[in-house]
Amino acid sequence: MNNLFKITYKSTVVICIATVFFSCTNDSKKVRDFLAEKNLPIAVAKDAYHVYKDSGRVSSKLITPLMYDFQNRKNHPYNEFPNGVTIINFENKGKDSVTVTGNYALSYTKTSISEIKGDVVVFNHTEKVKLETSQLFWDQKNKYFFSEKKFTLTTPTDTIKGIGFESKENLTKWVSKKVTGDIVTDEEEL
């Protein structure tokens, strides 16, 4: 908590100084460049609740206690969620289809790839499938999850553990590496 206070205090002081230096100009590019040079976000959101819509329908919600917006980075603009994030994707006529939570996240704007770390849980509400891992990468353009860390995948009939996991973002059509656990299959004996 003390670190967060120091960061917030320093950010506030630098933003105030930047405001004083650039108050006589209308060039917002100079302000963004100054903040980028000092490795400061251009915006900070506390207790953010963001709703995404597609064709007038709510497609997802993002909930986070703290978000830093580093869109002022020329090569790799990103958002940082240092205190965790919850993302709820809506499908199936408005029902929660998949919820993603983690203790820390980075979301890169240009590539649409996010890294979620720390007690990551992905839950498909429709299929009752849950993935737990310590780190997960999410390719939002291709709607795809992947991880090289230990994972536990819990389905209504199985609990599968292993290292390395890939799947669609709704936890279907998954591929795993180094698997352990009992798995029930529908294969017939020869």
N, C-alpha and C. Protein backbone atom coordinates (compact mmCIF):
# COMPACT_ATOMS: atom_id res chain seq x y z
N MET A 1 0.83 -1.19 0.00
CA MET A 1 0.00 0.00 0.00
C MET A 1 0.87 1.25 0.00
N ASN A 2 1.98 1.18 0.76
CA ASN A 2 2.89 2.30 0.83
C ASN A 2 3.52 2.58 -0.53
N ASN A 3 3.86 1.51 -1.27
CA ASN A 3 4.41 1.67 -2.62
C ASN A 3 3.41 2.34 -3.55
N LEU A 4 2.15 1.93 -3.47
CA LEU A 4 1.12 2.53 -4.32
C LEU A 4 0.98 4.02 -4.01
N PHE A 5 1.05 4.38 -2.72
CA PHE A 5 0.96 5.78 -2.32
C PHE A 5 2.13 6.57 -2.90
N LYS A 6 3.34 6.00 -2.83
CA LYS A 6 4.52 6.68 -3.38
C LYS A 6 4.39 6.88 -4.88
N ILE A 7 3.95 5.84 -5.58
CA ILE A 7 3.79 5.93 -7.04
C ILE A 7 2.73 6.97 -7.39
N THR A 8 1.61 6.93 -6.67
CA THR A 8 0.53 7.89 -6.92
C THR A 8 1.01 9.31 -6.64
N TYR A 9 1.73 9.49 -5.53
CA TYR A 9 2.23 10.81 -5.17
C TYR A 9 3.20 11.33 -6.22
N LYS A 10 4.17 10.48 -6.62
CA LYS A 10 5.14 10.89 -7.62
C LYS A 10 4.45 11.20 -8.96
N SER A 11 3.49 10.37 -9.34
CA SER A 11 2.77 10.60 -10.59
C SER A 11 2.03 11.93 -10.55
N THR A 12 1.41 12.21 -9.42
CA THR A 12 0.67 13.46 -9.27
C THR A 12 1.60 14.66 -9.37
N VAL A 13 2.76 14.58 -8.71
CA VAL A 13 3.72 15.69 -8.76
C VAL A 13 4.21 15.91 -10.19
N VAL A 14 4.57 14.84 -10.88
CA VAL A 14 5.08 14.97 -12.26
C VAL A 14 3.99 15.51 -13.18
N ILE A 15 2.76 15.05 -13.01
CA ILE A 15 1.66 15.55 -13.85
C ILE A 15 1.43 17.04 -13.58
N CYS A 16 1.51 17.45 -12.31
CA CYS A 16 1.35 18.88 -11.99
C CYS A 16 2.46 19.70 -12.62
N ILE A 17 3.70 19.21 -12.54
CA ILE A 17 4.82 19.91 -13.15
C ILE A 17 4.63 19.99 -14.66
N ALA A 18 4.21 18.87 -15.27
CA ALA A 18 3.97 18.87 -16.72
C ALA A 18 2.88 19.87 -17.09
N THR A 19 1.86 19.95 -16.27
CA THR A 19 0.77 20.89 -16.52
C THR A 19 1.29 22.33 -16.49
N VAL A 20 2.15 22.62 -15.51
CA VAL A 20 2.70 23.97 -15.40
C VAL A 20 3.57 24.29 -16.62
N PHE A 21 4.44 23.34 -17.00
CA PHE A 21 5.33 23.58 -18.14
C PHE A 21 4.58 23.74 -19.45
N PHE A 22 3.52 22.97 -19.63
CA PHE A 22 2.83 22.96 -20.90
C PHE A 22 1.50 23.72 -20.89
N SER A 23 1.24 24.48 -19.84
CA SER A 23 -0.05 25.16 -19.74
C SER A 23 -0.20 26.29 -20.76
N CYS A 24 0.92 26.77 -21.29
CA CYS A 24 0.85 27.85 -22.26
C CYS A 24 0.77 27.35 -23.70
N THR A 25 0.68 26.06 -23.88
CA THR A 25 0.63 25.51 -25.23
C THR A 25 -0.60 24.63 -25.38
N ASN A 26 -1.06 24.48 -26.59
CA ASN A 26 -2.19 23.61 -26.87
C ASN A 26 -1.75 22.29 -27.49
N ASP A 27 -0.45 22.01 -27.48
CA ASP A 27 0.09 20.83 -28.13
C ASP A 27 0.05 19.64 -27.17
N SER A 28 -0.99 18.83 -27.27
CA SER A 28 -1.11 17.66 -26.38
C SER A 28 -0.05 16.61 -26.68
N LYS A 29 0.50 16.61 -27.89
CA LYS A 29 1.56 15.66 -28.24
C LYS A 29 2.78 15.89 -27.35
N LYS A 30 3.10 17.13 -27.05
CA LYS A 30 4.24 17.43 -26.17
C LYS A 30 4.00 16.87 -24.77
N VAL A 31 2.80 16.99 -24.28
CA VAL A 31 2.47 16.46 -22.96
C VAL A 31 2.58 14.94 -22.96
N ARG A 32 2.02 14.28 -23.98
CA ARG A 32 2.10 12.81 -24.08
C ARG A 32 3.55 12.34 -24.16
N ASP A 33 4.36 13.05 -24.96
CA ASP A 33 5.77 12.69 -25.10
C ASP A 33 6.51 12.86 -23.77
N PHE A 34 6.19 13.93 -23.04
CA PHE A 34 6.82 14.15 -21.74
C PHE A 34 6.47 13.01 -20.78
N LEU A 35 5.19 12.62 -20.75
CA LEU A 35 4.76 11.53 -19.86
C LEU A 35 5.39 10.20 -20.26
N ALA A 36 5.51 9.96 -21.56
CA ALA A 36 6.14 8.72 -22.04
C ALA A 36 7.62 8.71 -21.67
N GLU A 37 8.27 9.85 -21.79
CA GLU A 37 9.69 9.95 -21.45
C GLU A 37 9.92 9.65 -19.97
N LYS A 38 9.02 10.05 -19.12
CA LYS A 38 9.13 9.81 -17.68
C LYS A 38 8.52 8.47 -17.27
N ASN A 39 8.09 7.67 -18.25
CA ASN A 39 7.46 6.37 -18.03
C ASN A 39 6.22 6.47 -17.14
N LEU A 40 5.40 7.47 -17.44
CA LEU A 40 4.16 7.69 -16.69
C LEU A 40 2.97 7.43 -17.60
N PRO A 41 1.89 6.93 -17.03
CA PRO A 41 0.68 6.71 -17.83
C PRO A 41 0.04 8.04 -18.21
N ILE A 42 -0.71 8.03 -19.31
CA ILE A 42 -1.43 9.25 -19.68
C ILE A 42 -2.76 9.34 -18.94
N ALA A 43 -3.18 8.22 -18.33
CA ALA A 43 -4.42 8.22 -17.56
C ALA A 43 -4.37 7.12 -16.51
N VAL A 44 -5.09 7.34 -15.42
CA VAL A 44 -5.23 6.35 -14.36
C VAL A 44 -6.71 6.24 -14.04
N ALA A 45 -7.21 5.02 -14.01
CA ALA A 45 -8.62 4.81 -13.68
C ALA A 45 -8.70 3.97 -12.41
N LYS A 46 -9.51 4.41 -11.47
CA LYS A 46 -9.72 3.66 -10.23
C LYS A 46 -11.15 3.14 -10.22
N ASP A 47 -11.29 1.90 -9.76
CA ASP A 47 -12.59 1.23 -9.71
C ASP A 47 -13.30 1.33 -11.07
N ALA A 48 -12.59 0.92 -12.11
CA ALA A 48 -13.11 1.01 -13.48
C ALA A 48 -14.10 -0.12 -13.76
N TYR A 49 -15.15 0.23 -14.46
CA TYR A 49 -16.18 -0.71 -14.89
C TYR A 49 -16.49 -0.33 -16.32
N HIS A 50 -15.90 -1.08 -17.27
CA HIS A 50 -16.03 -0.72 -18.68
C HIS A 50 -16.89 -1.75 -19.39
N VAL A 51 -17.88 -1.28 -20.14
CA VAL A 51 -18.78 -2.14 -20.88
C VAL A 51 -18.47 -2.00 -22.37
N TYR A 52 -18.23 -3.13 -23.04
CA TYR A 52 -17.98 -3.15 -24.48
C TYR A 52 -19.27 -3.57 -25.18
N LYS A 53 -19.60 -2.87 -26.27
CA LYS A 53 -20.80 -3.20 -27.02
C LYS A 53 -20.44 -3.53 -28.45
N ASP A 54 -21.20 -4.43 -29.04
CA ASP A 54 -21.06 -4.78 -30.44
C ASP A 54 -22.47 -4.82 -31.04
N SER A 55 -22.73 -3.96 -32.00
CA SER A 55 -24.04 -3.86 -32.64
C SER A 55 -25.15 -3.60 -31.63
N GLY A 56 -24.87 -2.77 -30.64
CA GLY A 56 -25.88 -2.41 -29.65
C GLY A 56 -26.06 -3.41 -28.52
N ARG A 57 -25.38 -4.55 -28.57
CA ARG A 57 -25.48 -5.56 -27.52
C ARG A 57 -24.21 -5.53 -26.68
N VAL A 58 -24.35 -5.73 -25.38
CA VAL A 58 -23.21 -5.82 -24.50
C VAL A 58 -22.47 -7.11 -24.81
N SER A 59 -21.19 -7.00 -25.19
CA SER A 59 -20.42 -8.19 -25.53
C SER A 59 -19.46 -8.60 -24.42
N SER A 60 -19.01 -7.63 -23.61
CA SER A 60 -18.14 -7.97 -22.49
C SER A 60 -18.08 -6.82 -21.50
N LYS A 61 -17.61 -7.15 -20.30
CA LYS A 61 -17.41 -6.16 -19.25
C LYS A 61 -16.02 -6.36 -18.67
N LEU A 62 -15.36 -5.27 -18.34
CA LEU A 62 -14.07 -5.29 -17.69
C LEU A 62 -14.21 -4.57 -16.36
N ILE A 63 -13.79 -5.22 -15.29
CA ILE A 63 -13.88 -4.64 -13.95
C ILE A 63 -12.49 -4.71 -13.33
N THR A 64 -11.99 -3.58 -12.83
CA THR A 64 -10.68 -3.54 -12.22
C THR A 64 -10.61 -2.44 -11.17
N PRO A 65 -9.88 -2.66 -10.08
CA PRO A 65 -9.73 -1.60 -9.09
C PRO A 65 -8.78 -0.49 -9.54
N LEU A 66 -7.83 -0.82 -10.47
CA LEU A 66 -6.87 0.18 -10.91
C LEU A 66 -6.37 -0.15 -12.31
N MET A 67 -6.35 0.86 -13.18
CA MET A 67 -5.85 0.68 -14.54
C MET A 67 -4.95 1.86 -14.90
N TYR A 68 -3.78 1.53 -15.44
CA TYR A 68 -2.87 2.55 -15.97
C TYR A 68 -2.93 2.48 -17.49
N ASP A 69 -3.11 3.63 -18.12
CA ASP A 69 -3.21 3.71 -19.58
C ASP A 69 -1.89 4.24 -20.14
N PHE A 70 -1.15 3.37 -20.82
CA PHE A 70 0.12 3.73 -21.45
C PHE A 70 -0.05 3.78 -22.97
N GLN A 71 -1.11 4.37 -23.44
CA GLN A 71 -1.35 4.49 -24.89
C GLN A 71 -0.40 5.50 -25.53
N ASN A 72 0.38 6.21 -24.71
CA ASN A 72 1.36 7.17 -25.24
C ASN A 72 2.65 6.50 -25.70
N ARG A 73 2.76 5.20 -25.60
CA ARG A 73 3.94 4.48 -26.09
C ARG A 73 3.81 4.31 -27.60
N LYS A 74 4.80 4.75 -28.34
CA LYS A 74 4.72 4.73 -29.80
C LYS A 74 4.72 3.30 -30.35
N ASN A 75 5.65 2.49 -29.89
CA ASN A 75 5.80 1.15 -30.46
C ASN A 75 4.87 0.11 -29.85
N HIS A 76 4.67 0.17 -28.56
CA HIS A 76 3.86 -0.85 -27.89
C HIS A 76 2.92 -0.23 -26.85
N PRO A 77 1.86 0.44 -27.29
CA PRO A 77 0.90 0.98 -26.32
C PRO A 77 0.19 -0.15 -25.57
N TYR A 78 -0.08 0.08 -24.29
CA TYR A 78 -0.70 -0.97 -23.49
C TYR A 78 -1.46 -0.38 -22.31
N ASN A 79 -2.26 -1.24 -21.68
CA ASN A 79 -2.93 -0.93 -20.42
C ASN A 79 -2.40 -1.90 -19.38
N GLU A 80 -2.21 -1.41 -18.17
CA GLU A 80 -1.72 -2.25 -17.07
C GLU A 80 -2.77 -2.29 -15.97
N PHE A 81 -3.00 -3.48 -15.43
CA PHE A 81 -3.97 -3.69 -14.36
C PHE A 81 -3.21 -4.28 -13.17
N PRO A 82 -2.54 -3.45 -12.35
CA PRO A 82 -1.66 -3.96 -11.30
C PRO A 82 -2.38 -4.62 -10.12
N ASN A 83 -3.65 -4.33 -9.93
CA ASN A 83 -4.39 -4.89 -8.79
C ASN A 83 -5.44 -5.91 -9.22
N GLY A 84 -5.27 -6.47 -10.39
CA GLY A 84 -6.18 -7.51 -10.84
C GLY A 84 -7.23 -7.02 -11.81
N VAL A 85 -7.88 -8.01 -12.44
CA VAL A 85 -8.87 -7.71 -13.45
C VAL A 85 -9.88 -8.84 -13.52
N THR A 86 -11.12 -8.50 -13.84
CA THR A 86 -12.17 -9.48 -14.13
C THR A 86 -12.78 -9.09 -15.47
N ILE A 87 -12.83 -10.06 -16.38
CA ILE A 87 -13.42 -9.83 -17.70
C ILE A 87 -14.53 -10.84 -17.89
N ILE A 88 -15.70 -10.36 -18.24
CA ILE A 88 -16.85 -11.23 -18.47
C ILE A 88 -17.28 -11.07 -19.92
N ASN A 89 -17.21 -12.15 -20.69
CA ASN A 89 -17.68 -12.15 -22.08
C ASN A 89 -19.09 -12.70 -22.12
N PHE A 90 -19.96 -11.99 -22.81
CA PHE A 90 -21.36 -12.39 -22.90
C PHE A 90 -21.65 -13.00 -24.26
N GLU A 91 -22.25 -14.16 -24.24
CA GLU A 91 -22.74 -14.81 -25.45
C GLU A 91 -24.00 -15.54 -25.05
N ASN A 92 -24.48 -16.41 -25.89
CA ASN A 92 -25.64 -17.24 -25.56
C ASN A 92 -26.82 -16.41 -25.07
N LYS A 93 -27.20 -15.42 -25.87
CA LYS A 93 -28.37 -14.57 -25.58
C LYS A 93 -28.26 -13.83 -24.25
N GLY A 94 -27.07 -13.29 -23.98
CA GLY A 94 -26.90 -12.44 -22.81
C GLY A 94 -26.45 -13.14 -21.55
N LYS A 95 -26.32 -14.45 -21.56
CA LYS A 95 -25.84 -15.15 -20.37
C LYS A 95 -24.33 -15.00 -20.29
N ASP A 96 -23.80 -15.08 -19.06
CA ASP A 96 -22.35 -15.08 -18.92
C ASP A 96 -21.83 -16.34 -19.59
N SER A 97 -20.94 -16.20 -20.54
CA SER A 97 -20.40 -17.41 -21.15
C SER A 97 -19.02 -17.73 -20.60
N VAL A 98 -18.13 -16.73 -20.49
CA VAL A 98 -16.79 -16.97 -19.97
C VAL A 98 -16.37 -15.80 -19.08
N THR A 99 -15.83 -16.13 -17.90
CA THR A 99 -15.28 -15.13 -17.00
C THR A 99 -13.80 -15.41 -16.82
N VAL A 100 -12.99 -14.37 -16.93
CA VAL A 100 -11.54 -14.47 -16.76
C VAL A 100 -11.14 -13.55 -15.61
N THR A 101 -10.39 -14.09 -14.63
CA THR A 101 -9.90 -13.27 -13.53
C THR A 101 -8.42 -13.54 -13.31
N GLY A 102 -7.72 -12.55 -12.80
CA GLY A 102 -6.31 -12.68 -12.48
C GLY A 102 -5.87 -11.53 -11.58
N ASN A 103 -4.71 -11.70 -10.92
CA ASN A 103 -4.21 -10.70 -9.98
C ASN A 103 -3.47 -9.55 -10.64
N TYR A 104 -3.05 -9.74 -11.89
CA TYR A 104 -2.27 -8.73 -12.61
C TYR A 104 -2.48 -8.96 -14.11
N ALA A 105 -2.51 -7.89 -14.90
CA ALA A 105 -2.67 -8.07 -16.35
C ALA A 105 -2.04 -6.93 -17.11
N LEU A 106 -1.57 -7.26 -18.31
CA LEU A 106 -1.11 -6.30 -19.30
C LEU A 106 -1.89 -6.58 -20.58
N SER A 107 -2.38 -5.54 -21.23
CA SER A 107 -3.11 -5.72 -22.49
C SER A 107 -2.51 -4.80 -23.53
N TYR A 108 -1.93 -5.42 -24.58
CA TYR A 108 -1.25 -4.67 -25.64
C TYR A 108 -2.23 -4.32 -26.75
N THR A 109 -2.31 -3.03 -27.07
CA THR A 109 -3.31 -2.52 -28.00
C THR A 109 -3.08 -2.99 -29.43
N LYS A 110 -1.86 -2.87 -29.93
CA LYS A 110 -1.59 -3.18 -31.34
C LYS A 110 -1.75 -4.66 -31.66
N THR A 111 -1.35 -5.52 -30.76
CA THR A 111 -1.39 -6.96 -31.04
C THR A 111 -2.66 -7.62 -30.51
N SER A 112 -3.41 -6.95 -29.65
CA SER A 112 -4.60 -7.51 -28.99
C SER A 112 -4.26 -8.78 -28.21
N ILE A 113 -3.06 -8.81 -27.64
CA ILE A 113 -2.67 -9.93 -26.79
C ILE A 113 -2.56 -9.42 -25.37
N SER A 114 -3.13 -10.18 -24.45
CA SER A 114 -3.07 -9.85 -23.03
C SER A 114 -2.34 -10.94 -22.28
N GLU A 115 -1.62 -10.52 -21.25
CA GLU A 115 -0.98 -11.46 -20.33
C GLU A 115 -1.65 -11.28 -18.99
N ILE A 116 -2.13 -12.37 -18.43
CA ILE A 116 -2.80 -12.35 -17.14
C ILE A 116 -2.00 -13.25 -16.21
N LYS A 117 -1.68 -12.74 -15.01
CA LYS A 117 -0.83 -13.49 -14.09
C LYS A 117 -1.44 -13.54 -12.69
N GLY A 118 -1.04 -14.56 -11.95
CA GLY A 118 -1.41 -14.66 -10.55
C GLY A 118 -2.82 -15.16 -10.33
N ASP A 119 -2.95 -16.40 -9.91
CA ASP A 119 -4.27 -17.00 -9.62
C ASP A 119 -5.26 -16.77 -10.76
N VAL A 120 -4.85 -17.11 -11.96
CA VAL A 120 -5.71 -16.93 -13.14
C VAL A 120 -6.78 -18.02 -13.15
N VAL A 121 -8.02 -17.61 -13.31
CA VAL A 121 -9.14 -18.55 -13.41
C VAL A 121 -9.99 -18.15 -14.61
N VAL A 122 -10.26 -19.13 -15.45
CA VAL A 122 -11.16 -18.94 -16.60
C VAL A 122 -12.31 -19.92 -16.38
N PHE A 123 -13.53 -19.42 -16.42
CA PHE A 123 -14.69 -20.28 -16.17
C PHE A 123 -15.71 -20.13 -17.29
N ASN A 124 -16.04 -21.24 -17.95
CA ASN A 124 -17.08 -21.28 -18.96
C ASN A 124 -18.37 -21.65 -18.24
N HIS A 125 -19.28 -20.69 -18.11
CA HIS A 125 -20.51 -20.89 -17.35
C HIS A 125 -21.47 -21.88 -18.01
N THR A 126 -21.46 -21.91 -19.32
CA THR A 126 -22.37 -22.80 -20.05
C THR A 126 -21.95 -24.26 -19.92
N GLU A 127 -20.66 -24.52 -20.15
CA GLU A 127 -20.15 -25.90 -20.13
C GLU A 127 -19.69 -26.35 -18.74
N LYS A 128 -19.63 -25.42 -17.78
CA LYS A 128 -19.16 -25.72 -16.42
C LYS A 128 -17.72 -26.24 -16.43
N VAL A 129 -16.85 -25.59 -17.22
CA VAL A 129 -15.45 -25.95 -17.34
C VAL A 129 -14.62 -24.82 -16.74
N LYS A 130 -13.61 -25.19 -15.92
CA LYS A 130 -12.79 -24.18 -15.25
C LYS A 130 -11.31 -24.47 -15.49
N LEU A 131 -10.56 -23.44 -15.87
CA LEU A 131 -9.11 -23.53 -16.04
C LEU A 131 -8.46 -22.67 -14.96
N GLU A 132 -7.45 -23.24 -14.28
CA GLU A 132 -6.69 -22.51 -13.28
C GLU A 132 -5.21 -22.62 -13.63
N THR A 133 -4.51 -21.48 -13.59
CA THR A 133 -3.08 -21.46 -13.89
C THR A 133 -2.47 -20.20 -13.26
N SER A 134 -1.15 -20.10 -13.33
CA SER A 134 -0.48 -18.91 -12.77
C SER A 134 -0.22 -17.84 -13.83
N GLN A 135 -0.25 -18.21 -15.10
CA GLN A 135 -0.02 -17.25 -16.18
C GLN A 135 -0.77 -17.71 -17.43
N LEU A 136 -1.41 -16.76 -18.09
CA LEU A 136 -2.18 -17.09 -19.28
C LEU A 136 -2.02 -15.95 -20.29
N PHE A 137 -1.81 -16.32 -21.54
CA PHE A 137 -1.80 -15.33 -22.63
C PHE A 137 -3.11 -15.48 -23.39
N TRP A 138 -3.68 -14.34 -23.77
CA TRP A 138 -4.98 -14.33 -24.43
C TRP A 138 -4.85 -13.56 -25.74
N ASP A 139 -4.98 -14.26 -26.85
CA ASP A 139 -4.99 -13.65 -28.17
C ASP A 139 -6.44 -13.30 -28.48
N GLN A 140 -6.79 -12.04 -28.31
CA GLN A 140 -8.19 -11.63 -28.43
C GLN A 140 -8.66 -11.58 -29.88
N LYS A 141 -7.76 -11.36 -30.82
CA LYS A 141 -8.16 -11.35 -32.23
C LYS A 141 -8.59 -12.75 -32.67
N ASN A 142 -7.81 -13.74 -32.27
CA ASN A 142 -8.09 -15.12 -32.67
C ASN A 142 -8.91 -15.88 -31.63
N LYS A 143 -9.29 -15.21 -30.54
CA LYS A 143 -10.10 -15.81 -29.47
C LYS A 143 -9.46 -17.11 -28.98
N TYR A 144 -8.23 -16.96 -28.47
CA TYR A 144 -7.40 -18.13 -28.16
C TYR A 144 -6.61 -17.90 -26.88
N PHE A 145 -6.56 -18.92 -25.99
CA PHE A 145 -5.76 -18.90 -24.77
C PHE A 145 -4.56 -19.81 -24.93
N PHE A 146 -3.43 -19.46 -24.31
CA PHE A 146 -2.31 -20.38 -24.23
C PHE A 146 -1.45 -20.08 -23.01
N SER A 147 -0.83 -21.13 -22.48
CA SER A 147 0.03 -21.02 -21.31
C SER A 147 1.08 -22.11 -21.36
N GLU A 148 2.26 -21.82 -20.82
CA GLU A 148 3.31 -22.83 -20.69
C GLU A 148 3.51 -23.20 -19.23
N LYS A 149 2.64 -22.72 -18.35
CA LYS A 149 2.73 -22.97 -16.91
C LYS A 149 1.86 -24.16 -16.52
N LYS A 150 1.99 -24.58 -15.24
CA LYS A 150 1.13 -25.64 -14.71
C LYS A 150 -0.32 -25.19 -14.78
N PHE A 151 -1.20 -26.14 -15.02
CA PHE A 151 -2.62 -25.81 -15.09
C PHE A 151 -3.45 -26.93 -14.50
N THR A 152 -4.67 -26.60 -14.12
CA THR A 152 -5.69 -27.56 -13.74
C THR A 152 -6.94 -27.22 -14.53
N LEU A 153 -7.44 -28.21 -15.27
CA LEU A 153 -8.67 -28.04 -16.04
C LEU A 153 -9.72 -28.94 -15.41
N THR A 154 -10.80 -28.36 -14.95
CA THR A 154 -11.86 -29.11 -14.30
C THR A 154 -13.10 -29.08 -15.18
N THR A 155 -13.58 -30.26 -15.54
CA THR A 155 -14.81 -30.39 -16.33
C THR A 155 -15.83 -31.10 -15.45
N PRO A 156 -17.08 -31.22 -15.88
CA PRO A 156 -18.06 -31.94 -15.06
C PRO A 156 -17.67 -33.40 -14.79
N THR A 157 -16.82 -33.99 -15.62
CA THR A 157 -16.46 -35.40 -15.42
C THR A 157 -14.99 -35.63 -15.10
N ASP A 158 -14.10 -34.65 -15.34
CA ASP A 158 -12.67 -34.87 -15.20
C ASP A 158 -11.97 -33.72 -14.48
N THR A 159 -10.81 -34.04 -13.90
CA THR A 159 -9.86 -33.04 -13.43
C THR A 159 -8.53 -33.39 -14.07
N ILE A 160 -8.05 -32.50 -14.91
CA ILE A 160 -6.84 -32.75 -15.68
C ILE A 160 -5.79 -31.74 -15.25
N LYS A 161 -4.59 -32.25 -14.96
CA LYS A 161 -3.48 -31.38 -14.57
C LYS A 161 -2.36 -31.58 -15.56
N GLY A 162 -1.56 -30.56 -15.74
CA GLY A 162 -0.43 -30.67 -16.64
C GLY A 162 0.36 -29.39 -16.71
N ILE A 163 1.28 -29.34 -17.67
CA ILE A 163 2.08 -28.16 -17.93
C ILE A 163 1.94 -27.85 -19.41
N GLY A 164 1.46 -26.66 -19.73
CA GLY A 164 1.24 -26.26 -21.11
C GLY A 164 -0.19 -26.51 -21.55
N PHE A 165 -0.85 -25.46 -22.04
CA PHE A 165 -2.27 -25.56 -22.38
C PHE A 165 -2.60 -24.57 -23.49
N GLU A 166 -3.47 -24.97 -24.41
CA GLU A 166 -4.00 -24.10 -25.46
C GLU A 166 -5.46 -24.44 -25.66
N SER A 167 -6.27 -23.41 -25.96
CA SER A 167 -7.68 -23.66 -26.25
C SER A 167 -8.32 -22.43 -26.87
N LYS A 168 -9.53 -22.64 -27.39
CA LYS A 168 -10.35 -21.49 -27.77
C LYS A 168 -10.69 -20.74 -26.49
N GLU A 169 -11.11 -19.49 -26.61
CA GLU A 169 -11.36 -18.70 -25.40
C GLU A 169 -12.58 -19.16 -24.61
N ASN A 170 -13.38 -20.07 -25.16
CA ASN A 170 -14.50 -20.62 -24.40
C ASN A 170 -14.13 -21.99 -23.80
N LEU A 171 -12.83 -22.30 -23.80
CA LEU A 171 -12.27 -23.53 -23.22
C LEU A 171 -12.72 -24.80 -23.94
N THR A 172 -13.03 -24.69 -25.22
CA THR A 172 -13.33 -25.87 -26.02
C THR A 172 -12.15 -26.12 -26.94
N LYS A 173 -12.11 -27.29 -27.52
CA LYS A 173 -11.04 -27.68 -28.44
C LYS A 173 -9.67 -27.36 -27.85
N TRP A 174 -9.41 -27.94 -26.69
CA TRP A 174 -8.16 -27.66 -26.00
C TRP A 174 -7.08 -28.71 -26.30
N VAL A 175 -5.85 -28.27 -26.18
CA VAL A 175 -4.68 -29.12 -26.36
C VAL A 175 -3.81 -28.91 -25.12
N SER A 176 -3.30 -30.00 -24.56
CA SER A 176 -2.46 -29.87 -23.38
C SER A 176 -1.18 -30.67 -23.54
N LYS A 177 -0.19 -30.29 -22.77
CA LYS A 177 1.10 -30.97 -22.78
C LYS A 177 1.32 -31.57 -21.39
N LYS A 178 2.13 -32.58 -21.30
CA LYS A 178 2.52 -33.17 -20.01
C LYS A 178 1.32 -33.32 -19.08
N VAL A 179 0.36 -34.13 -19.48
CA VAL A 179 -0.90 -34.28 -18.76
C VAL A 179 -0.80 -35.37 -17.70
N THR A 180 -1.46 -35.13 -16.56
CA THR A 180 -1.64 -36.15 -15.53
C THR A 180 -3.10 -36.13 -15.12
N GLY A 181 -3.59 -37.23 -14.57
CA GLY A 181 -4.97 -37.29 -14.10
C GLY A 181 -5.78 -38.31 -14.87
N ASP A 182 -6.94 -38.62 -14.36
CA ASP A 182 -7.85 -39.56 -15.00
C ASP A 182 -8.76 -38.81 -15.95
N ILE A 183 -8.90 -39.35 -17.16
CA ILE A 183 -9.73 -38.71 -18.18
C ILE A 183 -10.74 -39.72 -18.69
N VAL A 184 -12.01 -39.35 -18.67
CA VAL A 184 -13.06 -40.21 -19.20
C VAL A 184 -13.22 -39.88 -20.68
N THR A 185 -13.20 -40.93 -21.53
CA THR A 185 -13.37 -40.72 -22.96
C THR A 185 -14.56 -41.52 -23.46
N ASP A 186 -15.00 -41.19 -24.66
CA ASP A 186 -16.11 -41.89 -25.29
C ASP A 186 -15.64 -42.92 -26.29
N GLU A 187 -14.39 -43.29 -26.24
CA GLU A 187 -13.85 -44.26 -27.21
C GLU A 187 -14.32 -45.66 -26.87
N GLU A 188 -14.55 -46.44 -27.90
CA GLU A 188 -14.94 -47.83 -27.70
C GLU A 188 -13.70 -48.70 -27.70
N GLU A 189 -13.74 -49.77 -26.93
CA GLU A 189 -12.62 -50.70 -26.89
C GLU A 189 -12.64 -51.54 -28.16
N LEU A 190 -11.46 -51.89 -28.62
CA LEU A 190 -11.34 -52.71 -29.84
C LEU A 190 -11.43 -54.17 -29.53
